[in-house]
N, C-alpha and C. Protein backbone atom coordinates (compact mmCIF):
# COMPACT_ATOMS: atom_id res chain seq x y z
N MET A 1 73.11 -39.36 -11.39
CA MET A 1 72.06 -39.94 -10.60
C MET A 1 71.21 -38.85 -9.96
N PHE A 2 71.93 -37.82 -9.61
CA PHE A 2 71.22 -36.70 -8.99
C PHE A 2 70.24 -36.06 -9.95
N SER A 3 70.61 -35.94 -11.18
CA SER A 3 69.73 -35.33 -12.16
C SER A 3 68.54 -36.23 -12.47
N GLN A 4 68.75 -37.56 -12.43
CA GLN A 4 67.64 -38.46 -12.66
C GLN A 4 66.66 -38.39 -11.49
N ASN A 5 67.12 -38.25 -10.30
CA ASN A 5 66.28 -38.11 -9.12
C ASN A 5 65.49 -36.81 -9.19
N VAL A 6 66.10 -35.76 -9.66
CA VAL A 6 65.41 -34.47 -9.81
C VAL A 6 64.37 -34.58 -10.91
N LYS A 7 64.70 -35.29 -11.97
CA LYS A 7 63.74 -35.46 -13.06
C LYS A 7 62.50 -36.22 -12.58
N GLN A 8 62.73 -37.26 -11.78
CA GLN A 8 61.59 -38.01 -11.25
C GLN A 8 60.72 -37.14 -10.35
N LYS A 9 61.36 -36.33 -9.56
CA LYS A 9 60.60 -35.44 -8.68
C LYS A 9 59.82 -34.42 -9.50
N LEU A 10 60.44 -33.92 -10.56
CA LEU A 10 59.73 -32.97 -11.44
C LEU A 10 58.54 -33.66 -12.11
N TYR A 11 58.73 -34.88 -12.59
CA TYR A 11 57.63 -35.62 -13.21
C TYR A 11 56.51 -35.88 -12.20
N ILE A 12 56.91 -36.24 -11.00
CA ILE A 12 55.90 -36.51 -9.96
C ILE A 12 55.15 -35.21 -9.63
N ASN A 13 55.89 -34.13 -9.49
CA ASN A 13 55.25 -32.84 -9.22
C ASN A 13 54.34 -32.43 -10.37
N PHE A 14 54.82 -32.62 -11.60
CA PHE A 14 54.00 -32.30 -12.76
C PHE A 14 52.75 -33.19 -12.81
N LEU A 15 52.90 -34.46 -12.49
CA LEU A 15 51.77 -35.38 -12.47
C LEU A 15 50.76 -34.97 -11.40
N ILE A 16 51.25 -34.62 -10.19
CA ILE A 16 50.35 -34.19 -9.12
C ILE A 16 49.63 -32.91 -9.52
N LEU A 17 50.37 -31.99 -10.13
CA LEU A 17 49.75 -30.72 -10.59
C LEU A 17 48.73 -30.99 -11.68
N SER A 18 49.02 -31.89 -12.59
CA SER A 18 48.08 -32.24 -13.66
C SER A 18 46.81 -32.88 -13.08
N ILE A 19 46.99 -33.76 -12.10
CA ILE A 19 45.85 -34.41 -11.47
C ILE A 19 45.00 -33.36 -10.74
N ALA A 20 45.65 -32.41 -10.06
CA ALA A 20 44.93 -31.35 -9.34
C ALA A 20 44.14 -30.47 -10.31
N VAL A 21 44.77 -30.12 -11.44
CA VAL A 21 44.07 -29.31 -12.45
C VAL A 21 42.91 -30.10 -13.03
N ALA A 22 43.10 -31.38 -13.28
CA ALA A 22 42.03 -32.22 -13.83
C ALA A 22 40.88 -32.34 -12.84
N ILE A 23 41.20 -32.53 -11.57
CA ILE A 23 40.14 -32.61 -10.56
C ILE A 23 39.39 -31.29 -10.47
N PHE A 24 40.15 -30.18 -10.53
CA PHE A 24 39.51 -28.87 -10.49
C PHE A 24 38.60 -28.69 -11.71
N TYR A 25 39.12 -29.01 -12.90
CA TYR A 25 38.36 -28.81 -14.13
C TYR A 25 37.17 -29.76 -14.22
N LEU A 26 37.36 -31.02 -13.83
CA LEU A 26 36.31 -32.02 -14.01
C LEU A 26 35.29 -32.04 -12.87
N PHE A 27 35.67 -31.65 -11.64
CA PHE A 27 34.75 -31.79 -10.51
C PHE A 27 34.48 -30.46 -9.78
N SER A 28 35.51 -29.74 -9.43
CA SER A 28 35.32 -28.51 -8.63
C SER A 28 34.63 -27.41 -9.44
N LEU A 29 35.09 -27.19 -10.64
CA LEU A 29 34.49 -26.15 -11.49
C LEU A 29 33.03 -26.46 -11.80
N PRO A 30 32.68 -27.70 -12.20
CA PRO A 30 31.26 -28.02 -12.39
C PRO A 30 30.44 -27.89 -11.10
N GLN A 31 31.08 -28.20 -9.97
CA GLN A 31 30.36 -28.06 -8.70
C GLN A 31 30.00 -26.61 -8.45
N TYR A 32 30.81 -25.68 -8.93
CA TYR A 32 30.51 -24.26 -8.74
C TYR A 32 29.52 -23.75 -9.79
N TYR A 33 29.78 -24.03 -11.08
CA TYR A 33 28.95 -23.48 -12.15
C TYR A 33 27.76 -24.35 -12.54
N GLY A 34 27.82 -25.63 -12.24
CA GLY A 34 26.68 -26.49 -12.52
C GLY A 34 26.77 -27.25 -13.82
N SER A 35 27.80 -26.99 -14.62
CA SER A 35 27.93 -27.76 -15.86
C SER A 35 29.41 -27.99 -16.14
N GLY A 36 29.69 -29.18 -16.55
CA GLY A 36 31.08 -29.54 -16.86
C GLY A 36 31.11 -30.53 -17.99
N THR A 37 32.31 -31.00 -18.30
CA THR A 37 32.48 -31.93 -19.42
C THR A 37 31.89 -33.29 -19.09
N PHE A 38 32.17 -33.81 -17.90
CA PHE A 38 31.72 -35.14 -17.53
C PHE A 38 30.75 -35.16 -16.36
N TYR A 39 30.67 -34.07 -15.63
CA TYR A 39 29.92 -34.05 -14.36
C TYR A 39 29.03 -32.83 -14.32
N ASN A 40 27.74 -33.05 -14.18
CA ASN A 40 26.76 -31.96 -14.10
C ASN A 40 25.96 -32.09 -12.81
N PRO A 41 26.43 -31.47 -11.74
CA PRO A 41 25.72 -31.62 -10.46
C PRO A 41 24.39 -30.87 -10.47
N LEU A 42 23.43 -31.40 -9.72
CA LEU A 42 22.10 -30.80 -9.66
C LEU A 42 22.10 -29.52 -8.84
N ASN A 43 22.65 -29.57 -7.65
CA ASN A 43 22.73 -28.38 -6.79
C ASN A 43 24.17 -27.90 -6.78
N ASN A 44 24.43 -26.83 -7.53
CA ASN A 44 25.79 -26.30 -7.56
C ASN A 44 25.86 -25.02 -6.74
N VAL A 45 27.04 -24.56 -6.52
CA VAL A 45 27.27 -23.40 -5.66
C VAL A 45 26.62 -22.15 -6.25
N LYS A 46 26.69 -21.97 -7.54
CA LYS A 46 26.13 -20.77 -8.18
C LYS A 46 24.61 -20.76 -8.04
N THR A 47 23.96 -21.90 -8.29
CA THR A 47 22.50 -21.99 -8.16
C THR A 47 22.07 -21.77 -6.71
N LEU A 48 22.81 -22.38 -5.79
CA LEU A 48 22.47 -22.21 -4.38
C LEU A 48 22.67 -20.77 -3.93
N SER A 49 23.68 -20.09 -4.45
CA SER A 49 23.89 -18.67 -4.12
C SER A 49 22.75 -17.81 -4.64
N GLU A 50 22.29 -18.11 -5.87
CA GLU A 50 21.14 -17.36 -6.43
C GLU A 50 19.88 -17.62 -5.60
N GLN A 51 19.67 -18.88 -5.22
CA GLN A 51 18.51 -19.20 -4.39
C GLN A 51 18.60 -18.50 -3.04
N LYS A 52 19.79 -18.42 -2.49
CA LYS A 52 19.97 -17.72 -1.21
C LYS A 52 19.59 -16.26 -1.35
N LEU A 53 19.99 -15.61 -2.45
CA LEU A 53 19.60 -14.22 -2.68
C LEU A 53 18.09 -14.09 -2.83
N ASP A 54 17.47 -15.04 -3.55
CA ASP A 54 16.01 -15.02 -3.70
C ASP A 54 15.32 -15.17 -2.35
N TYR A 55 15.83 -16.07 -1.51
CA TYR A 55 15.25 -16.26 -0.19
C TYR A 55 15.42 -15.00 0.66
N LYS A 56 16.59 -14.36 0.56
CA LYS A 56 16.80 -13.13 1.31
C LYS A 56 15.82 -12.05 0.86
N ASP A 57 15.58 -11.95 -0.46
CA ASP A 57 14.60 -10.98 -0.96
C ASP A 57 13.20 -11.30 -0.45
N ALA A 58 12.84 -12.59 -0.46
CA ALA A 58 11.51 -12.99 0.01
C ALA A 58 11.36 -12.69 1.50
N ILE A 59 12.39 -12.95 2.28
CA ILE A 59 12.33 -12.67 3.71
C ILE A 59 12.24 -11.16 3.95
N SER A 60 12.97 -10.40 3.15
CA SER A 60 12.91 -8.93 3.27
C SER A 60 11.50 -8.42 2.95
N GLN A 61 10.88 -8.95 1.89
CA GLN A 61 9.51 -8.55 1.55
C GLN A 61 8.54 -8.97 2.65
N ALA A 62 8.73 -10.16 3.19
CA ALA A 62 7.85 -10.62 4.28
C ALA A 62 8.00 -9.72 5.50
N ASP A 63 9.23 -9.31 5.80
CA ASP A 63 9.44 -8.38 6.92
C ASP A 63 8.75 -7.04 6.66
N ASN A 64 8.82 -6.57 5.41
CA ASN A 64 8.13 -5.31 5.06
C ASN A 64 6.63 -5.45 5.22
N TYR A 65 6.08 -6.59 4.78
CA TYR A 65 4.64 -6.81 4.94
C TYR A 65 4.25 -6.89 6.42
N LEU A 66 5.10 -7.54 7.20
CA LEU A 66 4.83 -7.64 8.63
C LEU A 66 4.83 -6.26 9.28
N LEU A 67 5.76 -5.40 8.88
CA LEU A 67 5.78 -4.03 9.40
C LEU A 67 4.51 -3.28 9.01
N LYS A 68 4.06 -3.47 7.76
CA LYS A 68 2.83 -2.80 7.31
C LYS A 68 1.62 -3.33 8.08
N ILE A 69 1.58 -4.65 8.29
CA ILE A 69 0.46 -5.24 9.03
C ILE A 69 0.43 -4.69 10.46
N ASN A 70 1.60 -4.63 11.08
CA ASN A 70 1.66 -4.11 12.45
C ASN A 70 1.25 -2.64 12.50
N LYS A 71 1.63 -1.86 11.48
CA LYS A 71 1.25 -0.44 11.44
C LYS A 71 -0.26 -0.29 11.27
N VAL A 72 -0.84 -1.08 10.36
CA VAL A 72 -2.29 -1.02 10.15
C VAL A 72 -3.02 -1.44 11.42
N HIS A 73 -2.53 -2.48 12.09
CA HIS A 73 -3.16 -2.93 13.34
C HIS A 73 -3.07 -1.84 14.40
N LYS A 74 -1.90 -1.22 14.51
CA LYS A 74 -1.72 -0.15 15.49
C LYS A 74 -2.64 1.04 15.18
N ASP A 75 -2.74 1.39 13.89
CA ASP A 75 -3.64 2.48 13.50
C ASP A 75 -5.09 2.12 13.79
N TYR A 76 -5.46 0.86 13.54
CA TYR A 76 -6.84 0.43 13.80
C TYR A 76 -7.16 0.51 15.29
N VAL A 77 -6.24 0.00 16.11
CA VAL A 77 -6.47 0.04 17.56
C VAL A 77 -6.55 1.48 18.03
N GLY A 78 -5.68 2.34 17.49
CA GLY A 78 -5.73 3.75 17.86
C GLY A 78 -7.03 4.41 17.42
N MET A 79 -7.53 4.02 16.24
CA MET A 79 -8.78 4.59 15.75
C MET A 79 -9.96 4.17 16.60
N VAL A 80 -9.99 2.90 16.96
CA VAL A 80 -11.11 2.40 17.76
C VAL A 80 -11.12 3.08 19.13
N ASN A 81 -9.95 3.36 19.67
CA ASN A 81 -9.86 3.99 20.98
C ASN A 81 -10.01 5.51 20.91
N SER A 82 -10.05 6.08 19.73
CA SER A 82 -10.14 7.54 19.59
C SER A 82 -11.60 7.97 19.41
N GLN A 83 -11.76 9.22 19.00
CA GLN A 83 -13.10 9.76 18.76
C GLN A 83 -13.82 8.98 17.65
N THR A 84 -13.07 8.55 16.65
CA THR A 84 -13.69 7.76 15.58
C THR A 84 -14.25 6.46 16.14
N GLY A 85 -13.54 5.89 17.09
CA GLY A 85 -14.05 4.69 17.75
C GLY A 85 -15.34 4.96 18.49
N ASN A 86 -15.43 6.13 19.10
CA ASN A 86 -16.68 6.50 19.76
C ASN A 86 -17.80 6.67 18.74
N ASP A 87 -17.46 7.22 17.57
CA ASP A 87 -18.47 7.34 16.52
C ASP A 87 -18.94 5.97 16.06
N LEU A 88 -18.02 5.01 15.98
CA LEU A 88 -18.43 3.64 15.61
C LEU A 88 -19.36 3.05 16.66
N LYS A 89 -19.08 3.35 17.92
CA LYS A 89 -19.95 2.86 18.99
C LYS A 89 -21.32 3.53 18.93
N ASN A 90 -21.38 4.75 18.42
CA ASN A 90 -22.67 5.41 18.24
C ASN A 90 -23.45 4.81 17.07
N MET A 91 -22.74 4.33 16.04
CA MET A 91 -23.41 3.75 14.88
C MET A 91 -24.18 2.50 15.28
N ILE A 92 -23.51 1.60 15.97
CA ILE A 92 -24.15 0.37 16.46
C ILE A 92 -23.83 0.28 17.94
N PRO A 93 -24.68 0.86 18.77
CA PRO A 93 -24.39 0.88 20.21
C PRO A 93 -24.54 -0.50 20.83
N GLU A 94 -24.01 -0.61 22.04
CA GLU A 94 -24.09 -1.88 22.76
C GLU A 94 -25.49 -2.14 23.30
N SER A 95 -26.23 -1.10 23.53
CA SER A 95 -27.63 -1.25 23.96
C SER A 95 -28.41 -0.09 23.36
N VAL A 96 -29.73 -0.20 23.40
CA VAL A 96 -30.56 0.84 22.81
C VAL A 96 -31.75 1.11 23.71
N GLU A 97 -32.05 2.36 23.84
CA GLU A 97 -33.26 2.79 24.54
C GLU A 97 -34.21 3.33 23.48
N PRO A 98 -35.36 2.69 23.28
CA PRO A 98 -36.28 3.14 22.23
C PRO A 98 -36.68 4.61 22.37
N VAL A 99 -36.87 5.08 23.59
CA VAL A 99 -37.27 6.47 23.79
C VAL A 99 -36.15 7.41 23.33
N GLU A 100 -34.91 7.01 23.59
CA GLU A 100 -33.77 7.82 23.16
C GLU A 100 -33.70 7.90 21.64
N VAL A 101 -33.93 6.77 20.96
CA VAL A 101 -33.91 6.74 19.50
C VAL A 101 -35.06 7.58 18.94
N LEU A 102 -36.26 7.46 19.54
CA LEU A 102 -37.38 8.29 19.11
C LEU A 102 -37.07 9.77 19.31
N ASN A 103 -36.43 10.11 20.41
CA ASN A 103 -36.05 11.49 20.67
C ASN A 103 -35.05 11.98 19.61
N GLU A 104 -34.09 11.12 19.23
CA GLU A 104 -33.12 11.48 18.20
C GLU A 104 -33.82 11.70 16.85
N LEU A 105 -34.74 10.79 16.51
CA LEU A 105 -35.51 10.96 15.27
C LEU A 105 -36.34 12.25 15.30
N ASN A 106 -36.93 12.53 16.45
CA ASN A 106 -37.75 13.73 16.59
C ASN A 106 -36.90 14.99 16.43
N SER A 107 -35.68 14.99 16.98
CA SER A 107 -34.83 16.16 16.83
C SER A 107 -34.39 16.34 15.38
N ILE A 108 -34.12 15.25 14.66
CA ILE A 108 -33.80 15.35 13.23
C ILE A 108 -35.00 15.90 12.46
N ALA A 109 -36.19 15.44 12.83
CA ALA A 109 -37.41 15.92 12.16
C ALA A 109 -37.63 17.40 12.45
N LEU A 110 -37.42 17.83 13.69
CA LEU A 110 -37.63 19.23 14.05
C LEU A 110 -36.63 20.15 13.35
N GLN A 111 -35.44 19.67 13.07
CA GLN A 111 -34.47 20.46 12.30
C GLN A 111 -35.02 20.77 10.90
N ASN A 112 -35.85 19.88 10.39
CA ASN A 112 -36.45 20.06 9.07
C ASN A 112 -37.89 20.57 9.15
N LYS A 113 -38.28 21.06 10.33
CA LYS A 113 -39.64 21.61 10.55
C LYS A 113 -40.71 20.57 10.27
N ILE A 114 -40.45 19.35 10.74
CA ILE A 114 -41.40 18.25 10.58
C ILE A 114 -41.82 17.79 11.97
N LEU A 115 -43.11 17.51 12.11
CA LEU A 115 -43.63 17.00 13.37
C LEU A 115 -44.03 15.54 13.16
N LEU A 116 -43.41 14.65 13.94
CA LEU A 116 -43.71 13.22 13.81
C LEU A 116 -45.09 12.92 14.37
N ILE A 117 -45.84 12.09 13.65
CA ILE A 117 -47.19 11.71 14.05
C ILE A 117 -47.19 10.23 14.42
N SER A 118 -47.74 9.90 15.57
CA SER A 118 -47.92 8.52 16.05
C SER A 118 -46.64 7.68 15.98
N PRO A 119 -45.58 8.11 16.62
CA PRO A 119 -44.38 7.26 16.59
C PRO A 119 -44.56 6.04 17.50
N ARG A 120 -44.10 4.89 17.03
CA ARG A 120 -44.15 3.68 17.83
C ARG A 120 -42.94 2.82 17.44
N PHE A 121 -42.56 1.91 18.32
CA PHE A 121 -41.38 1.09 18.06
C PHE A 121 -41.69 -0.37 18.33
N THR A 122 -40.89 -1.23 17.69
CA THR A 122 -40.96 -2.68 17.89
C THR A 122 -39.53 -3.18 18.03
N GLU A 123 -39.25 -3.84 19.16
CA GLU A 123 -37.91 -4.40 19.36
C GLU A 123 -37.83 -5.78 18.75
N ASP A 124 -36.63 -6.15 18.34
CA ASP A 124 -36.38 -7.47 17.76
C ASP A 124 -36.48 -8.51 18.87
N SER A 125 -37.42 -9.42 18.74
CA SER A 125 -37.60 -10.44 19.77
C SER A 125 -36.90 -11.74 19.41
N ASN A 126 -36.34 -11.82 18.22
CA ASN A 126 -35.68 -13.05 17.77
C ASN A 126 -34.22 -13.02 18.20
N THR A 127 -33.94 -13.42 19.42
CA THR A 127 -32.57 -13.42 19.93
C THR A 127 -31.82 -14.70 19.61
N ASN A 128 -32.48 -15.66 18.98
CA ASN A 128 -31.83 -16.93 18.65
C ASN A 128 -31.22 -16.94 17.26
N ASN A 129 -31.30 -15.82 16.54
CA ASN A 129 -30.74 -15.81 15.18
C ASN A 129 -29.21 -15.77 15.26
N GLU A 130 -28.57 -16.02 14.12
CA GLU A 130 -27.12 -16.13 14.08
C GLU A 130 -26.43 -14.77 13.98
N LYS A 131 -27.16 -13.69 13.84
CA LYS A 131 -26.56 -12.37 13.72
C LYS A 131 -26.05 -11.90 15.08
N ASN A 132 -25.06 -11.03 15.04
CA ASN A 132 -24.49 -10.49 16.28
C ASN A 132 -25.18 -9.21 16.71
N TYR A 133 -26.26 -8.87 16.06
CA TYR A 133 -26.96 -7.62 16.39
C TYR A 133 -28.47 -7.85 16.41
N LEU A 134 -29.15 -6.93 17.04
CA LEU A 134 -30.61 -6.94 17.07
C LEU A 134 -31.10 -5.64 16.42
N THR A 135 -32.38 -5.60 16.11
CA THR A 135 -32.93 -4.42 15.44
C THR A 135 -34.03 -3.80 16.29
N LEU A 136 -34.22 -2.52 16.04
CA LEU A 136 -35.32 -1.77 16.63
C LEU A 136 -36.03 -1.09 15.46
N ILE A 137 -37.31 -1.39 15.27
CA ILE A 137 -38.08 -0.83 14.16
C ILE A 137 -38.96 0.30 14.69
N LEU A 138 -38.87 1.44 14.03
CA LEU A 138 -39.65 2.63 14.42
C LEU A 138 -40.59 2.98 13.28
N ASP A 139 -41.86 3.11 13.59
CA ASP A 139 -42.88 3.50 12.61
C ASP A 139 -43.42 4.86 13.03
N PHE A 140 -43.56 5.77 12.08
CA PHE A 140 -44.11 7.09 12.36
C PHE A 140 -44.63 7.70 11.06
N GLY A 141 -45.38 8.73 11.19
CA GLY A 141 -45.90 9.46 10.05
C GLY A 141 -45.59 10.93 10.20
N PHE A 142 -45.72 11.69 9.13
CA PHE A 142 -45.59 13.15 9.19
C PHE A 142 -46.18 13.75 7.92
N GLU A 143 -46.42 15.02 7.98
CA GLU A 143 -46.93 15.74 6.81
C GLU A 143 -45.88 16.75 6.39
N GLY A 144 -45.69 16.89 5.08
CA GLY A 144 -44.73 17.85 4.57
C GLY A 144 -44.61 17.76 3.07
N THR A 145 -43.80 18.64 2.53
CA THR A 145 -43.57 18.67 1.09
C THR A 145 -42.46 17.68 0.73
N TYR A 146 -42.32 17.45 -0.56
CA TYR A 146 -41.28 16.54 -1.02
C TYR A 146 -39.88 17.06 -0.68
N PRO A 147 -39.58 18.35 -0.86
CA PRO A 147 -38.25 18.84 -0.45
C PRO A 147 -37.98 18.63 1.05
N LEU A 148 -39.01 18.75 1.91
CA LEU A 148 -38.82 18.47 3.33
C LEU A 148 -38.49 16.99 3.56
N LEU A 149 -39.15 16.11 2.81
CA LEU A 149 -38.86 14.68 2.91
C LEU A 149 -37.41 14.40 2.51
N LYS A 150 -36.96 15.01 1.41
CA LYS A 150 -35.57 14.81 0.96
C LYS A 150 -34.58 15.28 2.02
N ALA A 151 -34.84 16.45 2.61
CA ALA A 151 -33.94 16.98 3.64
C ALA A 151 -33.94 16.07 4.86
N PHE A 152 -35.10 15.57 5.25
CA PHE A 152 -35.21 14.68 6.41
C PHE A 152 -34.45 13.38 6.15
N LEU A 153 -34.61 12.79 4.96
CA LEU A 153 -33.91 11.55 4.63
C LEU A 153 -32.40 11.77 4.56
N HIS A 154 -31.99 12.92 4.06
CA HIS A 154 -30.56 13.23 4.02
C HIS A 154 -29.99 13.31 5.44
N ASP A 155 -30.72 13.96 6.34
CA ASP A 155 -30.25 14.06 7.73
C ASP A 155 -30.23 12.69 8.41
N LEU A 156 -31.18 11.81 8.06
CA LEU A 156 -31.14 10.44 8.59
C LEU A 156 -29.89 9.71 8.07
N GLU A 157 -29.60 9.91 6.81
CA GLU A 157 -28.46 9.24 6.19
C GLU A 157 -27.13 9.70 6.79
N THR A 158 -27.03 10.97 7.16
CA THR A 158 -25.77 11.51 7.67
C THR A 158 -25.70 11.53 9.20
N SER A 159 -26.69 10.98 9.87
CA SER A 159 -26.65 10.96 11.34
C SER A 159 -25.63 9.93 11.82
N LYS A 160 -25.27 10.01 13.10
CA LYS A 160 -24.26 9.11 13.64
C LYS A 160 -24.75 7.68 13.75
N ARG A 161 -26.01 7.49 14.01
CA ARG A 161 -26.58 6.15 14.13
C ARG A 161 -26.95 5.63 12.74
N ILE A 162 -26.88 4.33 12.56
CA ILE A 162 -27.27 3.73 11.27
C ILE A 162 -28.78 3.56 11.27
N TYR A 163 -29.42 4.12 10.25
CA TYR A 163 -30.86 3.94 10.04
C TYR A 163 -31.06 3.30 8.68
N ASN A 164 -31.95 2.35 8.63
CA ASN A 164 -32.30 1.67 7.39
C ASN A 164 -33.79 1.88 7.17
N ILE A 165 -34.14 2.54 6.09
CA ILE A 165 -35.55 2.79 5.81
C ILE A 165 -36.14 1.52 5.20
N LYS A 166 -37.05 0.91 5.94
CA LYS A 166 -37.67 -0.34 5.52
C LYS A 166 -38.87 -0.10 4.62
N ASN A 167 -39.60 0.97 4.90
CA ASN A 167 -40.83 1.22 4.15
C ASN A 167 -41.09 2.73 4.13
N LEU A 168 -41.51 3.22 2.98
CA LEU A 168 -41.87 4.63 2.84
C LEU A 168 -43.07 4.69 1.91
N SER A 169 -44.16 5.22 2.44
CA SER A 169 -45.35 5.37 1.60
C SER A 169 -45.88 6.78 1.80
N PHE A 170 -46.61 7.27 0.83
CA PHE A 170 -47.16 8.62 0.95
C PHE A 170 -48.52 8.67 0.27
N SER A 171 -49.28 9.64 0.67
CA SER A 171 -50.58 9.88 0.04
C SER A 171 -50.80 11.39 0.02
N SER A 172 -51.58 11.81 -0.93
CA SER A 172 -51.84 13.25 -1.05
C SER A 172 -53.25 13.54 -0.54
N GLY A 173 -53.41 14.76 -0.12
CA GLY A 173 -54.72 15.19 0.34
C GLY A 173 -55.53 15.72 -0.84
N PRO A 174 -56.62 16.40 -0.56
CA PRO A 174 -57.46 16.91 -1.63
C PRO A 174 -56.79 18.06 -2.39
N ASP A 175 -55.79 18.69 -1.80
CA ASP A 175 -55.10 19.81 -2.45
C ASP A 175 -54.15 19.26 -3.52
N THR A 176 -54.33 19.65 -4.77
CA THR A 176 -53.54 19.11 -5.87
C THR A 176 -52.50 20.10 -6.38
N ARG A 177 -52.19 21.14 -5.60
CA ARG A 177 -51.15 22.08 -6.04
C ARG A 177 -49.79 21.37 -6.05
N ALA A 178 -48.84 21.94 -6.79
CA ALA A 178 -47.52 21.32 -6.93
C ALA A 178 -46.74 21.32 -5.62
N VAL A 179 -46.98 22.28 -4.74
CA VAL A 179 -46.22 22.38 -3.50
C VAL A 179 -47.10 22.00 -2.32
N SER A 180 -48.05 21.14 -2.53
CA SER A 180 -48.95 20.77 -1.44
C SER A 180 -48.28 19.78 -0.50
N ASN A 181 -48.82 19.71 0.73
CA ASN A 181 -48.30 18.76 1.72
C ASN A 181 -48.77 17.36 1.39
N LEU A 182 -47.89 16.41 1.63
CA LEU A 182 -48.20 14.99 1.48
C LEU A 182 -48.13 14.36 2.86
N THR A 183 -48.85 13.25 3.02
CA THR A 183 -48.79 12.51 4.27
C THR A 183 -47.90 11.30 4.03
N TYR A 184 -46.84 11.20 4.85
CA TYR A 184 -45.85 10.12 4.70
C TYR A 184 -45.97 9.15 5.86
N GLN A 185 -45.81 7.88 5.56
CA GLN A 185 -45.70 6.83 6.57
C GLN A 185 -44.32 6.19 6.38
N VAL A 186 -43.52 6.19 7.44
CA VAL A 186 -42.14 5.73 7.34
C VAL A 186 -41.90 4.64 8.38
N SER A 187 -41.18 3.62 7.95
CA SER A 187 -40.73 2.57 8.86
C SER A 187 -39.21 2.53 8.77
N VAL A 188 -38.56 2.78 9.92
CA VAL A 188 -37.10 2.88 9.98
C VAL A 188 -36.58 1.81 10.92
N GLU A 189 -35.46 1.21 10.55
CA GLU A 189 -34.84 0.17 11.36
C GLU A 189 -33.46 0.67 11.80
N THR A 190 -33.12 0.45 13.07
CA THR A 190 -31.78 0.75 13.58
C THR A 190 -31.26 -0.48 14.31
N TYR A 191 -29.97 -0.50 14.59
CA TYR A 191 -29.33 -1.73 15.07
C TYR A 191 -28.61 -1.50 16.40
N TYR A 192 -28.45 -2.56 17.15
CA TYR A 192 -27.62 -2.54 18.35
C TYR A 192 -27.07 -3.94 18.58
N LEU A 193 -25.99 -4.03 19.34
CA LEU A 193 -25.32 -5.32 19.55
C LEU A 193 -26.16 -6.25 20.40
N LYS A 194 -26.14 -7.52 20.07
CA LYS A 194 -26.97 -8.50 20.76
C LYS A 194 -26.44 -8.87 22.13
N ASN A 195 -25.15 -9.06 22.27
CA ASN A 195 -24.62 -9.64 23.49
C ASN A 195 -24.70 -8.73 24.70
N SER A 196 -25.01 -7.45 24.52
CA SER A 196 -25.06 -6.54 25.66
C SER A 196 -26.45 -6.38 26.22
N LYS A 197 -27.45 -6.80 25.52
CA LYS A 197 -28.83 -6.55 25.96
C LYS A 197 -29.37 -7.74 26.70
């Protein structure tokens, strides 16, 4: 009787072990790998682990981008507050004095041995436009050779303030030599911020 009782216990243990292996093979293993004989779960442990790694990589890249954005912002703020920032303020100042701009143009002209003739200015009176800046138009004339004109225009281009040449016309005098003086009429536009004036 004792041996029959042991046999029953062995059969029961074997049956429980078989059921556990079957549950593992039919349900637990497919739950991990995503494919099985009878059961194919949509979200399995392996797929979710791969997605977790992908999300970690995406978060890491986003953190790197955020660090780069913060560095660029810090560099920009530092640049604006430095000498370069002062140069930017000189390019488009908060206000403009026409006499000061004429004086600056005159000093650029004198560097090139040019004397400005009849300088005059016109301020932008259209303050209702949608632009954040206003313009100051300067008209003047001078006499000189073509190489002097090129040097003068180059110095205007490389000056700290932004100048936009709106009009340039020239005429020659009675002298037809190759190096003769020409009479130039120039219209130059410069800019300043609207909200400060």
